[in-house]
Amino acid sequence: MQVIAKIEKWVQQPDVQTQNGMTSKAQVVLRCPGGRNAEGFVGTAFGAVAGQPLAEGTIVVADVKFFTHEYEGKMFQDVSIFDLMPLK
């Protein structure tokens, strides 16, 4: 799903081990337009997207995917950010 959003917070995380070596990781808070009660997402970006931090307040088009899984009878949702393109 692609959304237009503003970056509210960008937190660089320690690099993570993958099968192909190390990759960058960042936690990103996105807020869609619409005022105080607009939709927001806290997602994780990996690789090249996480390796090029964007400033807070930057308006972007984000490719966001939602994944759910069950663990020990509880449901969890992961939000992954696959692409961030700043709007000019």
PDB file of N, CA and C in Angstrom:
ATOM      1  N   MET A   1       0.848  -1.159   0.000  1.00  0.00           N
ATOM      2  CA  MET A   1       0.000   0.000   0.000  1.00  0.00           C
ATOM      3  C   MET A   1       0.903   1.233   0.000  1.00  0.00           C
ATOM      4  N   GLN A   2       0.607   2.174  -0.861  1.00  0.00           N
ATOM      5  CA  GLN A   2       1.374   3.414  -0.885  1.00  0.00           C
ATOM      6  C   GLN A   2       0.588   4.505  -0.173  1.00  0.00           C
ATOM      7  N   VAL A   3       1.283   5.251   0.670  1.00  0.00           N
ATOM      8  CA  VAL A   3       0.658   6.347   1.407  1.00  0.00           C
ATOM      9  C   VAL A   3       1.534   7.590   1.298  1.00  0.00           C
ATOM     10  N   ILE A   4       0.876   8.742   1.347  1.00  0.00           N
ATOM     11  CA  ILE A   4       1.607  10.007   1.469  1.00  0.00           C
ATOM     12  C   ILE A   4       1.601  10.343   2.944  1.00  0.00           C
ATOM     13  N   ALA A   5       2.771  10.582   3.509  1.00  0.00           N
ATOM     14  CA  ALA A   5       2.875  10.805   4.948  1.00  0.00           C
ATOM     15  C   ALA A   5       4.057  11.709   5.267  1.00  0.00           C
ATOM     16  N   LYS A   6       4.058  12.184   6.500  1.00  0.00           N
ATOM     17  CA  LYS A   6       5.164  12.992   7.008  1.00  0.00           C
ATOM     18  C   LYS A   6       5.953  12.143   7.995  1.00  0.00           C
ATOM     19  N   ILE A   7       7.270  12.235   7.920  1.00  0.00           N
ATOM     20  CA  ILE A   7       8.112  11.520   8.874  1.00  0.00           C
ATOM     21  C   ILE A   7       8.085  12.291  10.195  1.00  0.00           C
ATOM     22  N   GLU A   8       7.549  11.648  11.229  1.00  0.00           N
ATOM     23  CA  GLU A   8       7.508  12.281  12.544  1.00  0.00           C
ATOM     24  C   GLU A   8       8.742  11.942  13.366  1.00  0.00           C
ATOM     25  N   LYS A   9       9.270  10.752  13.152  1.00  0.00           N
ATOM     26  CA  LYS A   9      10.450  10.340  13.926  1.00  0.00           C
ATOM     27  C   LYS A   9      11.215   9.283  13.140  1.00  0.00           C
ATOM     28  N   TRP A  10      12.541   9.362  13.227  1.00  0.00           N
ATOM     29  CA  TRP A  10      13.423   8.385  12.576  1.00  0.00           C
ATOM     30  C   TRP A  10      14.453   7.961  13.611  1.00  0.00           C
ATOM     31  N   VAL A  11      14.443   6.673  13.963  1.00  0.00           N
ATOM     32  CA  VAL A  11      15.388   6.157  14.962  1.00  0.00           C
ATOM     33  C   VAL A  11      16.225   5.082  14.293  1.00  0.00           C
ATOM     34  N   GLN A  12      17.503   5.357  14.159  1.00  0.00           N
ATOM     35  CA  GLN A  12      18.414   4.383  13.564  1.00  0.00           C
ATOM     36  C   GLN A  12      18.679   3.288  14.584  1.00  0.00           C
ATOM     37  N   GLN A  13      18.506   2.037  14.187  1.00  0.00           N
ATOM     38  CA  GLN A  13      18.729   0.884  15.049  1.00  0.00           C
ATOM     39  C   GLN A  13      20.082   0.259  14.707  1.00  0.00           C
ATOM     40  N   PRO A  14      20.606  -0.566  15.603  1.00  0.00           N
ATOM     41  CA  PRO A  14      21.851  -1.269  15.260  1.00  0.00           C
ATOM     42  C   PRO A  14      21.644  -2.163  14.042  1.00  0.00           C
ATOM     43  N   ASP A  15      22.692  -2.325  13.240  1.00  0.00           N
ATOM     44  CA  ASP A  15      22.623  -3.204  12.077  1.00  0.00           C
ATOM     45  C   ASP A  15      22.268  -4.620  12.524  1.00  0.00           C
ATOM     46  N   VAL A  16      21.585  -5.355  11.645  1.00  0.00           N
ATOM     47  CA  VAL A  16      21.173  -6.716  11.961  1.00  0.00           C
ATOM     48  C   VAL A  16      21.872  -7.706  11.033  1.00  0.00           C
ATOM     49  N   GLN A  17      22.066  -8.912  11.549  1.00  0.00           N
ATOM     50  CA  GLN A  17      22.714  -9.984  10.789  1.00  0.00           C
ATOM     51  C   GLN A  17      21.696 -10.642   9.869  1.00  0.00           C
ATOM     52  N   THR A  18      22.051 -10.806   8.597  1.00  0.00           N
ATOM     53  CA  THR A  18      21.212 -11.529   7.644  1.00  0.00           C
ATOM     54  C   THR A  18      22.028 -12.670   7.050  1.00  0.00           C
ATOM     55  N   GLN A  19      21.424 -13.436   6.168  1.00  0.00           N
ATOM     56  CA  GLN A  19      22.144 -14.525   5.521  1.00  0.00           C
ATOM     57  C   GLN A  19      23.270 -13.993   4.634  1.00  0.00           C
ATOM     58  N   ASN A  20      23.127 -12.749   4.158  1.00  0.00           N
ATOM     59  CA  ASN A  20      24.124 -12.166   3.254  1.00  0.00           C
ATOM     60  C   ASN A  20      25.042 -11.172   3.947  1.00  0.00           C
ATOM     61  N   GLY A  21      25.084 -11.185   5.258  1.00  0.00           N
ATOM     62  CA  GLY A  21      25.934 -10.238   5.987  1.00  0.00           C
ATOM     63  C   GLY A  21      25.109  -9.336   6.889  1.00  0.00           C
ATOM     64  N   MET A  22      25.549  -8.079   7.021  1.00  0.00           N
ATOM     65  CA  MET A  22      24.860  -7.125   7.877  1.00  0.00           C
ATOM     66  C   MET A  22      24.002  -6.183   7.019  1.00  0.00           C
ATOM     67  N   THR A  23      22.876  -5.709   7.591  1.00  0.00           N
ATOM     68  CA  THR A  23      22.029  -4.746   6.895  1.00  0.00           C
ATOM     69  C   THR A  23      21.555  -3.683   7.875  1.00  0.00           C
ATOM     70  N   SER A  24      21.283  -2.497   7.359  1.00  0.00           N
ATOM     71  CA  SER A  24      20.823  -1.384   8.188  1.00  0.00           C
ATOM     72  C   SER A  24      19.368  -1.595   8.583  1.00  0.00           C
ATOM     73  N   LYS A  25      18.997  -0.979   9.724  1.00  0.00           N
ATOM     74  CA  LYS A  25      17.628  -1.083  10.229  1.00  0.00           C
ATOM     75  C   LYS A  25      17.259   0.247  10.868  1.00  0.00           C
ATOM     76  N   ALA A  26      16.025   0.697  10.654  1.00  0.00           N
ATOM     77  CA  ALA A  26      15.548   1.939  11.267  1.00  0.00           C
ATOM     78  C   ALA A  26      14.078   1.799  11.616  1.00  0.00           C
ATOM     79  N   GLN A  27      13.694   2.448  12.710  1.00  0.00           N
ATOM     80  CA  GLN A  27      12.287   2.523  13.078  1.00  0.00           C
ATOM     81  C   GLN A  27      11.782   3.898  12.657  1.00  0.00           C
ATOM     82  N   VAL A  28      10.669   3.921  11.909  1.00  0.00           N
ATOM     83  CA  VAL A  28      10.163   5.165  11.332  1.00  0.00           C
ATOM     84  C   VAL A  28       8.706   5.359  11.757  1.00  0.00           C
ATOM     85  N   VAL A  29       8.400   6.571  12.228  1.00  0.00           N
ATOM     86  CA  VAL A  29       7.021   6.935  12.561  1.00  0.00           C
ATOM     87  C   VAL A  29       6.506   7.825  11.434  1.00  0.00           C
ATOM     88  N   LEU A  30       5.431   7.385  10.782  1.00  0.00           N
ATOM     89  CA  LEU A  30       4.816   8.128   9.678  1.00  0.00           C
ATOM     90  C   LEU A  30       3.427   8.600  10.099  1.00  0.00           C
ATOM     91  N   ARG A  31       3.057   9.821   9.716  1.00  0.00           N
ATOM     92  CA  ARG A  31       1.716  10.355   9.993  1.00  0.00           C
ATOM     93  C   ARG A  31       1.112  10.842   8.690  1.00  0.00           C
ATOM     94  N   CYS A  32      -0.075  10.336   8.352  1.00  0.00           N
ATOM     95  CA  CYS A  32      -0.775  10.741   7.136  1.00  0.00           C
ATOM     96  C   CYS A  32      -1.412  12.111   7.337  1.00  0.00           C
ATOM     97  N   PRO A  33      -1.699  12.827   6.238  1.00  0.00           N
ATOM     98  CA  PRO A  33      -2.366  14.120   6.378  1.00  0.00           C
ATOM     99  C   PRO A  33      -3.769  13.931   6.957  1.00  0.00           C
ATOM    100  N   GLY A  34      -4.257  14.954   7.638  1.00  0.00           N
ATOM    101  CA  GLY A  34      -5.614  14.866   8.151  1.00  0.00           C
ATOM    102  C   GLY A  34      -5.775  15.400   9.554  1.00  0.00           C
ATOM    103  N   GLY A  35      -4.775  16.084  10.065  1.00  0.00           N
ATOM    104  CA  GLY A  35      -4.932  16.695  11.382  1.00  0.00           C
ATOM    105  C   GLY A  35      -4.478  15.808  12.520  1.00  0.00           C
ATOM    106  N   ARG A  36      -4.976  16.158  13.697  1.00  0.00           N
ATOM    107  CA  ARG A  36      -4.520  15.533  14.933  1.00  0.00           C
ATOM    108  C   ARG A  36      -4.830  14.038  15.007  1.00  0.00           C
ATOM    109  N   ASN A  37      -5.957  13.626  14.449  1.00  0.00           N
ATOM    110  CA  ASN A  37      -6.376  12.230  14.561  1.00  0.00           C
ATOM    111  C   ASN A  37      -6.138  11.436  13.281  1.00  0.00           C
ATOM    112  N   ALA A  38      -5.218  11.883  12.461  1.00  0.00           N
ATOM    113  CA  ALA A  38      -4.919  11.180  11.206  1.00  0.00           C
ATOM    114  C   ALA A  38      -4.234   9.848  11.496  1.00  0.00           C
ATOM    115  N   GLU A  39      -4.329   8.946  10.513  1.00  0.00           N
ATOM    116  CA  GLU A  39      -3.679   7.645  10.655  1.00  0.00           C
ATOM    117  C   GLU A  39      -2.171   7.808  10.805  1.00  0.00           C
ATOM    118  N   GLY A  40      -1.591   6.961  11.601  1.00  0.00           N
ATOM    119  CA  GLY A  40      -0.149   6.951  11.766  1.00  0.00           C
ATOM    120  C   GLY A  40       0.349   5.517  11.776  1.00  0.00           C
ATOM    121  N   PHE A  41       1.603   5.341  11.424  1.00  0.00           N
ATOM    122  CA  PHE A  41       2.216   4.024  11.376  1.00  0.00           C
ATOM    123  C   PHE A  41       3.579   4.089  12.041  1.00  0.00           C
ATOM    124  N   VAL A  42       3.906   3.049  12.776  1.00  0.00           N
ATOM    125  CA  VAL A  42       5.275   2.857  13.249  1.00  0.00           C
ATOM    126  C   VAL A  42       5.763   1.627  12.522  1.00  0.00           C
ATOM    127  N   GLY A  43       6.744   1.815  11.658  1.00  0.00           N
ATOM    128  CA  GLY A  43       7.217   0.710  10.842  1.00  0.00           C
ATOM    129  C   GLY A  43       8.721   0.558  10.903  1.00  0.00           C
ATOM    130  N   THR A  44       9.186  -0.537  10.353  1.00  0.00           N
ATOM    131  CA  THR A  44      10.616  -0.832  10.304  1.00  0.00           C
ATOM    132  C   THR A  44      11.085  -0.804   8.858  1.00  0.00           C
ATOM    133  N   ALA A  45      12.178  -0.097   8.630  1.00  0.00           N
ATOM    134  CA  ALA A  45      12.809  -0.047   7.311  1.00  0.00           C
ATOM    135  C   ALA A  45      14.140  -0.794   7.390  1.00  0.00           C
ATOM    136  N   PHE A  46      14.469  -1.500   6.328  1.00  0.00           N
ATOM    137  CA  PHE A  46      15.711  -2.264   6.280  1.00  0.00           C
ATOM    138  C   PHE A  46      16.523  -1.878   5.057  1.00  0.00           C
ATOM    139  N   GLY A  47      17.782  -2.250   5.060  1.00  0.00           N
ATOM    140  CA  GLY A  47      18.642  -2.117   3.889  1.00  0.00           C
ATOM    141  C   GLY A  47      18.889  -0.695   3.448  1.00  0.00           C
ATOM    142  N   ALA A  48      18.798  -0.470   2.135  1.00  0.00           N
ATOM    143  CA  ALA A  48      19.112   0.838   1.549  1.00  0.00           C
ATOM    144  C   ALA A  48      18.168   1.919   2.058  1.00  0.00           C
ATOM    145  N   VAL A  49      16.897   1.582   2.297  1.00  0.00           N
ATOM    146  CA  VAL A  49      15.935   2.575   2.797  1.00  0.00           C
ATOM    147  C   VAL A  49      16.369   3.060   4.173  1.00  0.00           C
ATOM    148  N   ALA A  50      16.766   2.147   5.047  1.00  0.00           N
ATOM    149  CA  ALA A  50      17.199   2.513   6.398  1.00  0.00           C
ATOM    150  C   ALA A  50      18.574   3.175   6.391  1.00  0.00           C
ATOM    151  N   GLY A  51      19.376   2.876   5.390  1.00  0.00           N
ATOM    152  CA  GLY A  51      20.725   3.419   5.327  1.00  0.00           C
ATOM    153  C   GLY A  51      20.798   4.874   4.899  1.00  0.00           C
ATOM    154  N   GLN A  52      19.688   5.434   4.425  1.00  0.00           N
ATOM    155  CA  GLN A  52      19.654   6.835   4.002  1.00  0.00           C
ATOM    156  C   GLN A  52      18.583   7.576   4.798  1.00  0.00           C
ATOM    157  N   PRO A  53      18.891   7.961   6.042  1.00  0.00           N
ATOM    158  CA  PRO A  53      17.885   8.607   6.887  1.00  0.00           C
ATOM    159  C   PRO A  53      17.360   9.901   6.276  1.00  0.00           C
ATOM    160  N   LEU A  54      16.073  10.145   6.482  1.00  0.00           N
ATOM    161  CA  LEU A  54      15.439  11.386   6.042  1.00  0.00           C
ATOM    162  C   LEU A  54      15.104  12.219   7.275  1.00  0.00           C
ATOM    163  N   ALA A  55      15.092  13.527   7.101  1.00  0.00           N
ATOM    164  CA  ALA A  55      14.848  14.434   8.223  1.00  0.00           C
ATOM    165  C   ALA A  55      13.392  14.347   8.672  1.00  0.00           C
ATOM    166  N   GLU A  56      13.179  14.556   9.960  1.00  0.00           N
ATOM    167  CA  GLU A  56      11.828  14.619  10.492  1.00  0.00           C
ATOM    168  C   GLU A  56      11.114  15.804   9.851  1.00  0.00           C
ATOM    169  N   GLY A  57       9.850  15.622   9.513  1.00  0.00           N
ATOM    170  CA  GLY A  57       9.077  16.661   8.839  1.00  0.00           C
ATOM    171  C   GLY A  57       9.056  16.517   7.329  1.00  0.00           C
ATOM    172  N   THR A  58       9.865  15.616   6.782  1.00  0.00           N
ATOM    173  CA  THR A  58       9.896  15.391   5.341  1.00  0.00           C
ATOM    174  C   THR A  58       8.614  14.687   4.895  1.00  0.00           C
ATOM    175  N   ILE A  59       8.001  15.186   3.834  1.00  0.00           N
ATOM    176  CA  ILE A  59       6.814  14.554   3.253  1.00  0.00           C
ATOM    177  C   ILE A  59       7.292  13.503   2.252  1.00  0.00           C
ATOM    178  N   VAL A  60       6.768  12.294   2.375  1.00  0.00           N
ATOM    179  CA  VAL A  60       7.232  11.180   1.544  1.00  0.00           C
ATOM    180  C   VAL A  60       6.051  10.385   0.996  1.00  0.00           C
ATOM    181  N   VAL A  61       6.327   9.635  -0.064  1.00  0.00           N
ATOM    182  CA  VAL A  61       5.445   8.566  -0.508  1.00  0.00           C
ATOM    183  C   VAL A  61       6.095   7.287   0.002  1.00  0.00           C
ATOM    184  N   ALA A  62       5.352   6.535   0.802  1.00  0.00           N
ATOM    185  CA  ALA A  62       5.910   5.338   1.442  1.00  0.00           C
ATOM    186  C   ALA A  62       5.199   4.094   0.927  1.00  0.00           C
ATOM    187  N   ASP A  63       5.976   3.071   0.630  1.00  0.00           N
ATOM    188  CA  ASP A  63       5.433   1.762   0.275  1.00  0.00           C
ATOM    189  C   ASP A  63       5.424   0.935   1.567  1.00  0.00           C
ATOM    190  N   VAL A  64       4.228   0.764   2.134  1.00  0.00           N
ATOM    191  CA  VAL A  64       4.068   0.132   3.444  1.00  0.00           C
ATOM    192  C   VAL A  64       3.346  -1.199   3.276  1.00  0.00           C
ATOM    193  N   LYS A  65       3.842  -2.232   3.956  1.00  0.00           N
ATOM    194  CA  LYS A  65       3.185  -3.536   3.909  1.00  0.00           C
ATOM    195  C   LYS A  65       2.928  -4.001   5.341  1.00  0.00           C
ATOM    196  N   PHE A  66       1.764  -4.621   5.536  1.00  0.00           N
ATOM    197  CA  PHE A  66       1.362  -5.110   6.848  1.00  0.00           C
ATOM    198  C   PHE A  66       1.390  -6.634   6.837  1.00  0.00           C
ATOM    199  N   PHE A  67       1.995  -7.205   7.867  1.00  0.00           N
ATOM    200  CA  PHE A  67       2.071  -8.653   8.006  1.00  0.00           C
ATOM    201  C   PHE A  67       1.522  -9.022   9.380  1.00  0.00           C
ATOM    202  N   THR A  68       0.737 -10.086   9.431  1.00  0.00           N
ATOM    203  CA  THR A  68       0.249 -10.578  10.720  1.00  0.00           C
ATOM    204  C   THR A  68       0.709 -12.011  10.909  1.00  0.00           C
ATOM    205  N   HIS A  69       0.906 -12.361  12.165  1.00  0.00           N
ATOM    206  CA  HIS A  69       1.255 -13.735  12.486  1.00  0.00           C
ATOM    207  C   HIS A  69       0.785 -14.055  13.903  1.00  0.00           C
ATOM    208  N   GLU A  70       0.637 -15.328  14.173  1.00  0.00           N
ATOM    209  CA  GLU A  70       0.197 -15.788  15.480  1.00  0.00           C
ATOM    210  C   GLU A  70       1.375 -16.427  16.202  1.00  0.00           C
ATOM    211  N   TYR A  71       1.498 -16.139  17.484  1.00  0.00           N
ATOM    212  CA  TYR A  71       2.552 -16.731  18.299  1.00  0.00           C
ATOM    213  C   TYR A  71       1.971 -17.009  19.677  1.00  0.00           C
ATOM    214  N   GLU A  72       1.995 -18.263  20.086  1.00  0.00           N
ATOM    215  CA  GLU A  72       1.471 -18.703  21.382  1.00  0.00           C
ATOM    216  C   GLU A  72       0.053 -18.196  21.618  1.00  0.00           C
ATOM    217  N   GLY A  73      -0.782 -18.305  20.585  1.00  0.00           N
ATOM    218  CA  GLY A  73      -2.181 -17.935  20.704  1.00  0.00           C
ATOM    219  C   GLY A  73      -2.476 -16.450  20.623  1.00  0.00           C
ATOM    220  N   LYS A  74      -1.473 -15.630  20.392  1.00  0.00           N
ATOM    221  CA  LYS A  74      -1.675 -14.176  20.292  1.00  0.00           C
ATOM    222  C   LYS A  74      -1.360 -13.727  18.872  1.00  0.00           C
ATOM    223  N   MET A  75      -2.101 -12.719  18.412  1.00  0.00           N
ATOM    224  CA  MET A  75      -1.887 -12.174  17.065  1.00  0.00           C
ATOM    225  C   MET A  75      -0.978 -10.950  17.147  1.00  0.00           C
ATOM    226  N   PHE A  76      -0.049 -10.860  16.210  1.00  0.00           N
ATOM    227  CA  PHE A  76       0.880  -9.740  16.128  1.00  0.00           C
ATOM    228  C   PHE A  76       0.848  -9.170  14.718  1.00  0.00           C
ATOM    229  N   GLN A  77       1.116  -7.867  14.613  1.00  0.00           N
ATOM    230  CA  GLN A  77       1.161  -7.216  13.306  1.00  0.00           C
ATOM    231  C   GLN A  77       2.501  -6.516  13.157  1.00  0.00           C
ATOM    232  N   ASP A  78       3.152  -6.739  12.029  1.00  0.00           N
ATOM    233  CA  ASP A  78       4.397  -6.060  11.697  1.00  0.00           C
ATOM    234  C   ASP A  78       4.121  -5.097  10.556  1.00  0.00           C
ATOM    235  N   VAL A  79       4.725  -3.922  10.618  1.00  0.00           N
ATOM    236  CA  VAL A  79       4.607  -2.933   9.555  1.00  0.00           C
ATOM    237  C   VAL A  79       6.008  -2.753   8.978  1.00  0.00           C
ATOM    238  N   SER A  80       6.169  -3.072   7.705  1.00  0.00           N
ATOM    239  CA  SER A  80       7.464  -2.936   7.038  1.00  0.00           C
ATOM    240  C   SER A  80       7.385  -1.841   5.986  1.00  0.00           C
ATOM    241  N   ILE A  81       8.426  -1.033   5.931  1.00  0.00           N
ATOM    242  CA  ILE A  81       8.511   0.064   4.968  1.00  0.00           C
ATOM    243  C   ILE A  81       9.540  -0.337   3.931  1.00  0.00           C
ATOM    244  N   PHE A  82       9.086  -0.509   2.677  1.00  0.00           N
ATOM    245  CA  PHE A  82       9.970  -0.985   1.630  1.00  0.00           C
ATOM    246  C   PHE A  82      10.564   0.110   0.769  1.00  0.00           C
ATOM    247  N   ASP A  83       9.932   1.272   0.742  1.00  0.00           N
ATOM    248  CA  ASP A  83      10.464   2.366  -0.060  1.00  0.00           C
ATOM    249  C   ASP A  83       9.967   3.702   0.492  1.00  0.00           C
ATOM    250  N   LEU A  84      10.821   4.692   0.493  1.00  0.00           N
ATOM    251  CA  LEU A  84      10.466   6.057   0.891  1.00  0.00           C
ATOM    252  C   LEU A  84      10.974   7.007  -0.190  1.00  0.00           C
ATOM    253  N   MET A  85      10.058   7.749  -0.805  1.00  0.00           N
ATOM    254  CA  MET A  85      10.444   8.710  -1.833  1.00  0.00           C
ATOM    255  C   MET A  85      10.022  10.102  -1.357  1.00  0.00           C
ATOM    256  N   PRO A  86      10.981  10.989  -1.102  1.00  0.00           N
ATOM    257  CA  PRO A  86      10.613  12.339  -0.666  1.00  0.00           C
ATOM    258  C   PRO A  86       9.895  13.108  -1.773  1.00  0.00           C
ATOM    259  N   LEU A  87       8.875  13.866  -1.390  1.00  0.00           N
ATOM    260  CA  LEU A  87       8.193  14.750  -2.329  1.00  0.00           C
ATOM    261  C   LEU A  87       8.842  16.124  -2.257  1.00  0.00           C
ATOM    262  N   LYS A  88       8.953  16.767  -3.397  1.00  0.00           N
ATOM    263  CA  LYS A  88       9.591  18.087  -3.426  1.00  0.00           C
ATOM    264  C   LYS A  88       8.587  19.171  -3.513  1.00  0.00           C
TER     265      LYS A  88
END
